[in-house]
Amino acid sequence: MKKNKINVLTHLPRKIKIVMIFVCVICLMTLGFLVINKLNAKQVITTNAEGYVRTITLSKSSLDETVSATGNIESQDTSSVSTNLEYAVKEIYVQVGDTVEEGDIICKLDTSEIEKKIEKAKETQSTSKETLQTNYDNAVNAKETAWTSFSTQRDLVSSLNSIYQNALSAFQVAESSVNTQQSLFNSADSTLQSMGLQLNSAESSCLASGHLSDCSDDTSTTEYTTYQSAKQNYDNAKNNYDTAKQNLENAKTNSNYQNLYTAMTTAKNNLDSANAQLTKYQETFSSADAKVSETYKSLNNSSTSSSELEDLYEQLEDCTLTAKSSGKVTSLNATVGSKVNGSVATIQNTNSLKIVVSVDEYDIQKIKEGLTARITSDAVDEELTGIVSQISPVATAGSQGTSSGFQVEIDVTSSNSSLLIGMSAKV
């Protein structure tokens, strides 16, 4: 009988099968809806081994995929007030919890020691500057003296050169008038020397022939005739020489040649001596000018810069410690009379908060910058909102080479939250 019924169902038309399946699905959905409504109207009761009852109210909810993590509340804007000066604190202007603005004074260090160093450095610099100023003034005076000597000597050289040129011109005029007579005298002198040699030769011939030196003991000889001719030529040359000499002396006398020559040579010597002295004065001036440049550079450097004094003034300025940003003083590591070195105060903006959490490596791919976050804390009743602002690209190393997760920062976007820096929160 059952086999027949199965055969009948198997051979039903395809459309009837689809309708029957659709009706069954509708029935199942209706039954499920009724069951859910009934469960919503009641409480599911569970009893543990000790006999107490825990009730859970069922409600509709979304199927959002979430990642949970826990971290601490921090400030998005934190700055540190620090110093590397080891001086005692003189005054403190704030307390923990005070709100400050950027540039407000946090504390001042004792500057008495620095001020003493500054005064000593200023005295040393002043003494050095006075010495350099004196050296510069002396160099300027030496340069002015050298310039005066050089200028005076230069004028003297110019004057002596004019005297020499005038003397040279006058001498050249006289020399021109004497040159003709000098040439005639030189020619007469040359002829006289030649005739003298011929006369000496004739005398030697007479003596060689056994006659007197002038062959006057035998006037019929050839040697006598030669001697007489040489003697006559010599006498004529001597007369011409004497005449030329007298004419030269007359020309020199008439033109004042000797005096002009003496004046010219004296002027030349004076000019040469003055030029030599001018060269020395010029070298002295050049050396003095270089000394002025050197002392001026030293004086100018001492006036414009002093690394030691500049460092001391910077330290003096750094003794006043100020806030680098606006916010609330959350820590203060300074007491009056004690030396400080390093961090003095921490300033955090309590109105701009963030939470730093560690997300497991299996969940980090689900996190993106800009995702919305829900923030809760056992210390506050409200649920706050935030937004993922930064994801570390590198995992923090755990023990035995394992990963302890990726650091994620979430900015708190809810305004007027009750969260405080340092609280723990769940994201």
Protein backbone atom coordinates (compact mmCIF):
# COMPACT_ATOMS: atom_id res chain seq x y z
CA MET A 1 0.00 0.00 0.00
CA LYS A 2 2.81 2.36 0.99
CA LYS A 3 4.64 1.44 -2.17
CA ASN A 4 1.69 2.54 -4.22
CA LYS A 5 1.50 5.90 -2.45
CA ILE A 6 5.18 6.52 -3.13
CA ASN A 7 4.70 5.64 -6.74
CA VAL A 8 1.82 8.06 -6.98
CA LEU A 9 3.91 10.91 -5.54
CA THR A 10 6.77 10.05 -7.82
CA HIS A 11 4.62 10.26 -10.89
CA LEU A 12 2.90 13.57 -9.99
CA PRO A 13 3.41 16.42 -12.49
CA ARG A 14 6.42 18.75 -11.92
CA LYS A 15 4.29 21.87 -11.37
CA ILE A 16 2.27 20.10 -8.62
CA LYS A 17 5.57 19.13 -6.95
CA ILE A 18 6.76 22.76 -6.93
CA VAL A 19 3.47 23.97 -5.47
CA MET A 20 3.59 21.36 -2.72
CA ILE A 21 7.19 22.31 -1.81
CA PHE A 22 6.29 26.01 -1.73
CA VAL A 23 3.32 25.28 0.59
CA CYS A 24 5.55 23.27 2.91
CA VAL A 25 8.09 26.14 3.08
CA ILE A 26 5.33 28.65 3.94
CA CYS A 27 4.07 26.36 6.67
CA LEU A 28 7.54 25.97 8.18
CA MET A 29 8.15 29.74 8.17
CA THR A 30 4.78 30.36 9.82
CA LEU A 31 5.54 27.78 12.48
CA GLY A 32 8.96 29.35 13.13
CA PHE A 33 7.47 32.84 13.43
CA LEU A 34 4.91 31.60 15.98
CA VAL A 35 7.63 29.88 18.04
CA ILE A 36 9.83 33.03 18.10
CA ASN A 37 6.91 35.21 19.20
CA LYS A 38 6.08 32.74 21.93
CA LEU A 39 9.67 32.72 23.15
CA ASN A 40 9.76 36.55 23.14
CA ALA A 41 6.75 36.55 25.45
CA LYS A 42 8.38 34.19 27.98
CA GLN A 43 11.69 33.82 29.72
CA VAL A 44 13.98 30.90 29.17
CA ILE A 45 14.67 29.41 32.56
CA THR A 46 17.96 27.70 33.35
CA THR A 47 18.87 26.12 36.62
CA ASN A 48 22.43 25.35 37.74
CA ALA A 49 23.60 22.69 40.12
CA GLU A 50 23.19 24.99 43.14
CA GLY A 51 19.55 25.73 42.35
CA TYR A 52 19.52 29.48 41.48
CA VAL A 53 17.70 30.75 38.39
CA ARG A 54 19.14 33.10 35.74
CA THR A 55 16.77 34.69 33.24
CA ILE A 56 17.67 36.15 29.81
CA THR A 57 15.32 38.27 27.77
CA LEU A 58 15.64 37.58 24.06
CA SER A 59 15.53 40.53 21.67
CA LYS A 60 16.25 41.32 18.05
CA SER A 61 19.84 42.26 17.25
CA SER A 62 22.12 42.81 14.24
CA LEU A 63 24.71 40.35 13.07
CA ASP A 64 27.61 42.93 12.82
CA GLU A 65 31.14 41.49 12.95
CA THR A 66 33.12 43.07 15.77
CA VAL A 67 36.63 42.98 17.23
CA SER A 68 37.12 43.75 20.91
CA ALA A 69 40.23 44.99 22.68
CA THR A 70 41.15 46.72 25.90
CA GLY A 71 43.49 49.66 26.40
CA ASN A 72 44.17 52.80 28.39
CA ILE A 73 42.98 56.33 27.86
CA GLU A 74 45.71 58.70 26.67
CA SER A 75 45.88 62.26 25.38
CA GLN A 76 46.19 62.87 21.66
CA ASP A 77 48.33 65.92 22.39
CA THR A 78 51.09 65.42 25.00
CA SER A 79 54.20 67.53 25.52
CA SER A 80 57.05 67.36 27.98
CA VAL A 81 58.80 70.25 29.69
CA SER A 82 62.43 69.26 30.23
CA THR A 83 65.90 70.71 30.76
CA ASN A 84 69.50 69.53 30.66
CA LEU A 85 70.66 72.27 33.02
CA GLU A 86 71.53 71.10 36.51
CA TYR A 87 70.47 74.17 38.49
CA ALA A 88 68.21 74.41 41.51
CA VAL A 89 64.55 75.32 41.05
CA LYS A 90 63.89 78.88 42.18
CA GLU A 91 60.14 79.25 41.53
CA ILE A 92 57.28 76.95 40.48
CA TYR A 93 54.26 78.56 38.87
CA VAL A 94 51.87 75.59 38.43
CA GLN A 95 50.54 72.52 40.19
CA VAL A 96 49.36 69.17 38.92
CA GLY A 97 45.86 69.65 37.50
CA ASP A 98 46.37 73.27 36.44
CA THR A 99 45.39 74.24 32.92
CA VAL A 100 48.08 76.12 31.01
CA GLU A 101 48.46 77.73 27.61
CA GLU A 102 51.40 77.33 25.27
CA GLY A 103 54.20 79.62 26.44
CA ASP A 104 53.05 79.82 30.08
CA ILE A 105 55.89 79.63 32.60
CA ILE A 106 56.08 76.29 34.42
CA CYS A 107 59.08 77.04 36.62
CA LYS A 108 62.27 79.09 36.81
CA LEU A 109 65.73 77.85 37.72
CA ASP A 110 68.22 79.73 39.88
CA THR A 111 70.26 81.90 37.49
CA SER A 112 72.70 83.46 39.99
CA GLU A 113 75.59 81.22 38.92
CA ILE A 114 74.99 81.88 35.22
CA GLU A 115 74.71 85.63 35.81
CA LYS A 116 78.13 85.61 37.54
CA LYS A 117 79.63 83.74 34.59
CA ILE A 118 78.06 86.25 32.20
CA GLU A 119 79.52 89.21 34.09
CA LYS A 120 82.97 87.61 34.12
CA ALA A 121 82.75 86.79 30.42
CA LYS A 122 81.64 90.35 29.65
CA GLU A 123 84.58 91.78 31.62
CA THR A 124 86.99 89.49 29.79
CA GLN A 125 85.45 90.41 26.47
CA SER A 126 85.54 94.11 27.37
CA THR A 127 89.24 93.92 28.29
CA SER A 128 90.00 92.03 25.12
CA LYS A 129 87.98 94.50 23.10
CA GLU A 130 89.84 97.46 24.64
CA THR A 131 93.17 95.86 23.72
CA LEU A 132 91.98 95.14 20.19
CA GLN A 133 90.62 98.69 19.90
CA THR A 134 93.99 100.09 21.00
CA ASN A 135 95.80 97.88 18.48
CA TYR A 136 93.42 99.04 15.77
CA ASP A 137 93.83 102.73 16.68
CA ASN A 138 97.63 102.38 16.70
CA ALA A 139 97.52 100.64 13.34
CA VAL A 140 95.36 103.44 11.92
CA ASN A 141 97.75 106.09 13.26
CA ALA A 142 100.74 104.21 11.84
CA LYS A 143 99.00 103.97 8.50
CA GLU A 144 98.23 107.70 8.49
CA THR A 145 101.86 108.51 9.38
CA ALA A 146 103.12 106.19 6.65
CA TRP A 147 100.73 107.75 4.17
CA THR A 148 101.90 111.26 5.09
CA SER A 149 105.54 110.24 4.65
CA PHE A 150 104.76 108.50 1.38
CA SER A 151 102.73 111.42 0.04
CA THR A 152 105.43 113.95 1.03
CA GLN A 153 108.14 111.82 -0.55
CA ARG A 154 106.03 111.31 -3.65
CA ASP A 155 105.68 115.10 -4.01
CA LEU A 156 109.43 115.48 -3.48
CA VAL A 157 110.13 112.91 -6.19
CA SER A 158 107.82 114.76 -8.52
CA SER A 159 109.64 118.04 -7.79
CA LEU A 160 113.10 116.48 -8.16
CA ASN A 161 112.05 114.86 -11.39
CA SER A 162 111.06 118.28 -12.76
CA ILE A 163 114.44 119.68 -11.69
CA TYR A 164 116.24 116.78 -13.34
CA GLN A 165 114.26 117.12 -16.57
CA ASN A 166 115.06 120.86 -16.75
CA ALA A 167 118.75 120.23 -16.02
CA LEU A 168 118.84 117.47 -18.61
CA SER A 169 117.24 119.69 -21.24
CA ALA A 170 119.72 122.54 -20.57
CA PHE A 171 122.64 120.17 -20.65
CA GLN A 172 121.44 118.59 -23.90
CA VAL A 173 121.37 122.08 -25.53
CA ALA A 174 124.94 122.76 -24.41
CA GLU A 175 126.00 119.23 -25.38
CA SER A 176 124.61 119.79 -28.87
CA SER A 177 126.75 122.91 -29.34
CA VAL A 178 129.87 121.18 -27.96
CA ASN A 179 129.47 117.96 -29.92
CA THR A 180 130.87 119.46 -33.19
CA GLN A 181 134.01 120.74 -31.48
CA GLN A 182 134.29 117.50 -29.56
CA SER A 183 134.23 115.55 -32.85
CA LEU A 184 136.93 117.83 -34.34
CA PHE A 185 139.01 117.47 -31.20
CA ASN A 186 138.64 113.68 -31.24
CA SER A 187 139.72 113.61 -34.92
CA ALA A 188 142.71 115.90 -34.24
CA ASP A 189 143.70 113.80 -31.27
CA SER A 190 143.53 110.62 -33.37
CA THR A 191 145.64 112.22 -36.14
CA LEU A 192 148.19 113.44 -33.59
CA GLN A 193 148.54 109.95 -32.17
CA SER A 194 149.11 108.54 -35.69
CA MET A 195 151.68 111.20 -36.59
CA GLY A 196 153.50 110.58 -33.33
CA LEU A 197 153.83 106.90 -34.15
CA GLN A 198 155.25 107.77 -37.60
CA LEU A 199 157.76 110.19 -36.04
CA ASN A 200 158.89 107.57 -33.56
CA SER A 201 159.39 105.12 -36.43
CA ALA A 202 161.53 107.66 -38.36
CA GLU A 203 163.68 108.30 -35.28
CA SER A 204 164.19 104.58 -34.83
CA SER A 205 165.33 104.27 -38.47
CA CYS A 206 167.91 107.06 -38.02
CA LEU A 207 169.31 105.47 -34.92
CA ALA A 208 169.39 102.07 -36.60
CA SER A 209 171.46 103.58 -39.46
CA GLY A 210 174.07 104.98 -37.04
CA HIS A 211 172.90 108.54 -37.20
CA LEU A 212 171.57 110.91 -34.66
CA SER A 213 167.91 110.45 -33.73
CA ASP A 214 166.92 113.24 -36.15
CA CYS A 215 169.59 112.20 -38.80
CA SER A 216 170.86 115.82 -38.75
CA ASP A 217 174.48 114.59 -39.01
CA ASP A 218 173.87 113.44 -42.59
CA THR A 219 171.16 115.40 -44.36
CA SER A 220 171.74 113.57 -47.63
CA THR A 221 170.30 110.27 -46.42
CA THR A 222 166.84 108.91 -47.14
CA GLU A 223 166.27 108.42 -43.42
CA TYR A 224 166.80 112.17 -42.90
CA THR A 225 164.21 113.03 -45.54
CA THR A 226 161.73 110.56 -44.02
CA TYR A 227 162.34 111.90 -40.54
CA GLN A 228 161.89 115.54 -41.62
CA SER A 229 158.61 114.68 -43.35
CA ALA A 230 157.33 112.78 -40.27
CA LYS A 231 158.43 115.66 -38.04
CA GLN A 232 156.57 118.18 -40.19
CA ASN A 233 153.38 116.03 -40.23
CA TYR A 234 153.57 115.64 -36.50
CA ASP A 235 154.02 119.37 -35.91
CA ASN A 236 151.05 120.12 -38.16
CA ALA A 237 148.91 117.55 -36.34
CA LYS A 238 150.04 119.03 -33.02
CA ASN A 239 148.97 122.48 -34.13
CA ASN A 240 145.61 121.15 -35.32
CA TYR A 241 145.17 119.27 -31.99
CA ASP A 242 145.94 122.37 -29.97
CA THR A 243 143.51 124.41 -32.05
CA ALA A 244 140.75 121.80 -31.74
CA LYS A 245 141.34 121.54 -28.00
CA GLN A 246 141.14 125.29 -27.58
CA ASN A 247 137.99 125.42 -29.71
CA LEU A 248 136.42 122.64 -27.57
CA GLU A 249 137.29 124.41 -24.37
CA ASN A 250 135.89 127.65 -25.77
CA ALA A 251 132.66 125.88 -26.80
CA LYS A 252 132.29 124.38 -23.34
CA THR A 253 132.97 127.67 -21.69
CA ASN A 254 130.60 129.58 -23.90
CA SER A 255 127.76 127.04 -23.41
CA ASN A 256 128.40 126.57 -19.66
CA TYR A 257 128.71 122.92 -20.44
CA GLN A 258 130.52 121.80 -17.30
CA ASN A 259 128.15 123.55 -14.90
CA LEU A 260 125.14 122.22 -16.75
CA TYR A 261 126.60 118.70 -16.70
CA THR A 262 127.25 118.94 -12.96
CA ALA A 263 123.71 120.25 -12.36
CA MET A 264 122.22 117.46 -14.44
CA THR A 265 124.16 114.65 -12.72
CA THR A 266 123.40 116.14 -9.28
CA ALA A 267 119.70 116.32 -10.11
CA LYS A 268 119.80 112.71 -11.37
CA ASN A 269 121.46 111.50 -8.17
CA ASN A 270 118.95 113.38 -6.00
CA LEU A 271 116.05 111.91 -7.99
CA ASP A 272 117.41 108.35 -7.72
CA SER A 273 117.87 108.73 -3.95
CA ALA A 274 114.34 110.14 -3.53
CA ASN A 275 112.85 107.28 -5.57
CA ALA A 276 114.63 104.72 -3.37
CA GLN A 277 113.22 106.42 -0.26
CA LEU A 278 109.76 106.55 -1.85
CA THR A 279 109.89 102.77 -2.38
CA LYS A 280 110.63 102.28 1.33
CA TYR A 281 107.76 104.57 2.34
CA GLN A 282 105.43 102.70 0.00
CA GLU A 283 106.40 99.37 1.59
CA THR A 284 105.85 100.85 5.05
CA PHE A 285 102.42 102.13 4.05
CA SER A 286 101.40 98.77 2.55
CA SER A 287 102.45 96.99 5.73
CA ALA A 288 100.53 99.52 7.86
CA ASP A 289 97.45 99.14 5.66
CA ALA A 290 97.55 95.34 6.07
CA LYS A 291 97.89 95.79 9.83
CA VAL A 292 94.80 97.99 9.89
CA SER A 293 92.79 95.33 8.03
CA GLU A 294 94.02 92.63 10.39
CA THR A 295 93.26 94.55 13.60
CA TYR A 296 89.87 95.70 12.25
CA LYS A 297 88.89 92.11 11.50
CA SER A 298 89.87 91.03 15.02
CA LEU A 299 87.99 93.97 16.54
CA ASN A 300 84.91 93.33 14.41
CA ASN A 301 84.87 89.61 15.30
CA SER A 302 85.09 90.40 19.01
CA SER A 303 82.23 92.89 18.69
CA THR A 304 79.85 90.69 16.73
CA SER A 305 80.34 87.29 18.32
CA SER A 306 81.48 85.52 21.46
CA SER A 307 80.57 81.86 21.55
CA GLU A 308 81.07 81.57 25.31
CA LEU A 309 78.91 84.59 26.06
CA GLU A 310 76.25 83.49 23.57
CA ASP A 311 76.10 80.05 25.21
CA LEU A 312 75.69 81.64 28.63
CA TYR A 313 72.86 83.87 27.41
CA GLU A 314 71.15 80.83 25.88
CA GLN A 315 71.47 79.00 29.20
CA LEU A 316 70.03 82.03 30.98
CA GLU A 317 67.04 82.01 28.65
CA ASP A 318 66.64 78.24 29.06
CA CYS A 319 66.37 78.67 32.84
CA THR A 320 62.78 79.79 32.28
CA LEU A 321 60.86 76.61 31.45
CA THR A 322 57.62 77.15 29.53
CA ALA A 323 54.75 74.98 28.27
CA LYS A 324 55.25 73.67 24.74
CA SER A 325 51.50 73.17 24.23
CA SER A 326 48.17 74.00 25.84
CA GLY A 327 46.56 71.50 28.20
CA LYS A 328 46.53 70.25 31.76
CA VAL A 329 49.59 69.61 33.90
CA THR A 330 49.44 65.87 34.63
CA SER A 331 52.85 65.45 36.27
CA LEU A 332 55.35 67.77 37.96
CA ASN A 333 58.81 66.57 38.96
CA ALA A 334 60.22 69.70 40.56
CA THR A 335 60.48 71.19 44.04
CA VAL A 336 61.88 74.58 45.03
CA GLY A 337 65.55 74.33 46.01
CA SER A 338 66.17 70.99 44.32
CA LYS A 339 68.15 70.48 41.14
CA VAL A 340 66.37 69.06 38.13
CA ASN A 341 67.65 67.35 35.03
CA GLY A 342 65.45 65.79 32.40
CA SER A 343 61.63 65.85 32.46
CA VAL A 344 60.16 68.52 34.71
CA ALA A 345 56.46 68.41 33.77
CA THR A 346 54.05 66.68 31.43
CA ILE A 347 51.21 68.60 29.78
CA GLN A 348 48.31 66.76 28.20
CA ASN A 349 45.21 67.95 26.38
CA THR A 350 42.37 66.32 28.35
CA ASN A 351 39.80 67.41 25.77
CA SER A 352 41.43 65.40 23.03
CA LEU A 353 41.64 61.74 24.05
CA LYS A 354 42.62 58.48 22.42
CA ILE A 355 42.80 54.81 23.35
CA VAL A 356 45.76 52.63 22.45
CA VAL A 357 44.92 48.94 22.17
CA SER A 358 46.61 45.80 20.86
CA VAL A 359 44.73 43.80 18.23
CA ASP A 360 45.55 40.14 17.64
CA GLU A 361 47.22 39.29 14.34
CA TYR A 362 44.22 37.17 13.36
CA ASP A 363 41.89 40.18 13.65
CA ILE A 364 44.10 43.01 12.41
CA GLN A 365 42.99 42.54 8.78
CA LYS A 366 39.45 43.44 9.89
CA ILE A 367 40.58 46.83 11.16
CA LYS A 368 40.80 49.84 8.83
CA GLU A 369 41.47 53.51 9.51
CA GLY A 370 38.21 55.43 9.71
CA LEU A 371 36.15 52.54 11.20
CA THR A 372 33.72 53.51 13.96
CA ALA A 373 34.39 52.20 17.46
CA ARG A 374 32.14 51.80 20.52
CA ILE A 375 33.91 52.62 23.77
CA THR A 376 32.87 51.48 27.24
CA SER A 377 34.55 51.65 30.61
CA ASP A 378 33.71 50.30 34.03
CA ALA A 379 34.51 53.77 35.40
CA VAL A 380 31.73 55.53 33.42
CA ASP A 381 28.14 54.60 32.64
CA GLU A 382 27.93 56.05 29.15
CA GLU A 383 28.86 54.39 25.88
CA LEU A 384 31.09 56.59 23.78
CA THR A 385 32.12 56.61 20.14
CA GLY A 386 35.48 56.80 18.48
CA ILE A 387 37.22 56.34 15.17
CA VAL A 388 40.29 54.33 14.20
CA SER A 389 43.03 56.90 13.50
CA GLN A 390 46.21 54.86 13.22
CA ILE A 391 47.27 51.23 12.75
CA SER A 392 50.85 50.16 13.32
CA PRO A 393 52.24 48.37 10.25
CA VAL A 394 54.56 46.31 12.48
CA ALA A 395 53.54 43.84 15.18
CA THR A 396 54.89 44.12 18.68
CA ALA A 397 57.17 41.18 19.41
CA GLY A 398 55.98 38.78 22.11
CA SER A 399 57.77 36.04 24.00
CA GLN A 400 59.57 33.22 22.18
CA GLY A 401 59.38 35.06 18.88
CA THR A 402 55.58 35.20 18.77
CA SER A 403 53.50 38.26 17.92
CA SER A 404 51.70 40.04 20.76
CA GLY A 405 49.53 42.02 18.35
CA PHE A 406 49.40 45.25 16.40
CA GLN A 407 49.03 48.61 18.11
CA VAL A 408 45.89 50.49 17.10
CA GLU A 409 44.94 54.04 18.11
CA ILE A 410 41.31 55.12 18.39
CA ASP A 411 40.45 58.81 18.74
CA VAL A 412 37.52 59.50 21.09
CA THR A 413 34.99 61.49 19.08
CA SER A 414 32.25 61.84 21.75
CA SER A 415 32.22 65.28 23.28
CA ASN A 416 31.88 65.95 27.02
CA SER A 417 32.91 62.39 27.89
CA SER A 418 33.65 61.40 31.44
CA LEU A 419 36.77 59.51 30.54
CA LEU A 420 39.95 60.50 32.26
CA ILE A 421 43.57 59.92 31.23
CA GLY A 422 44.82 56.62 32.59
CA MET A 423 41.45 54.88 32.78
CA SER A 424 41.08 51.48 31.12
CA ALA A 425 38.44 51.10 28.45
CA LYS A 426 37.06 48.46 26.14
CA VAL A 427 36.80 49.15 22.43
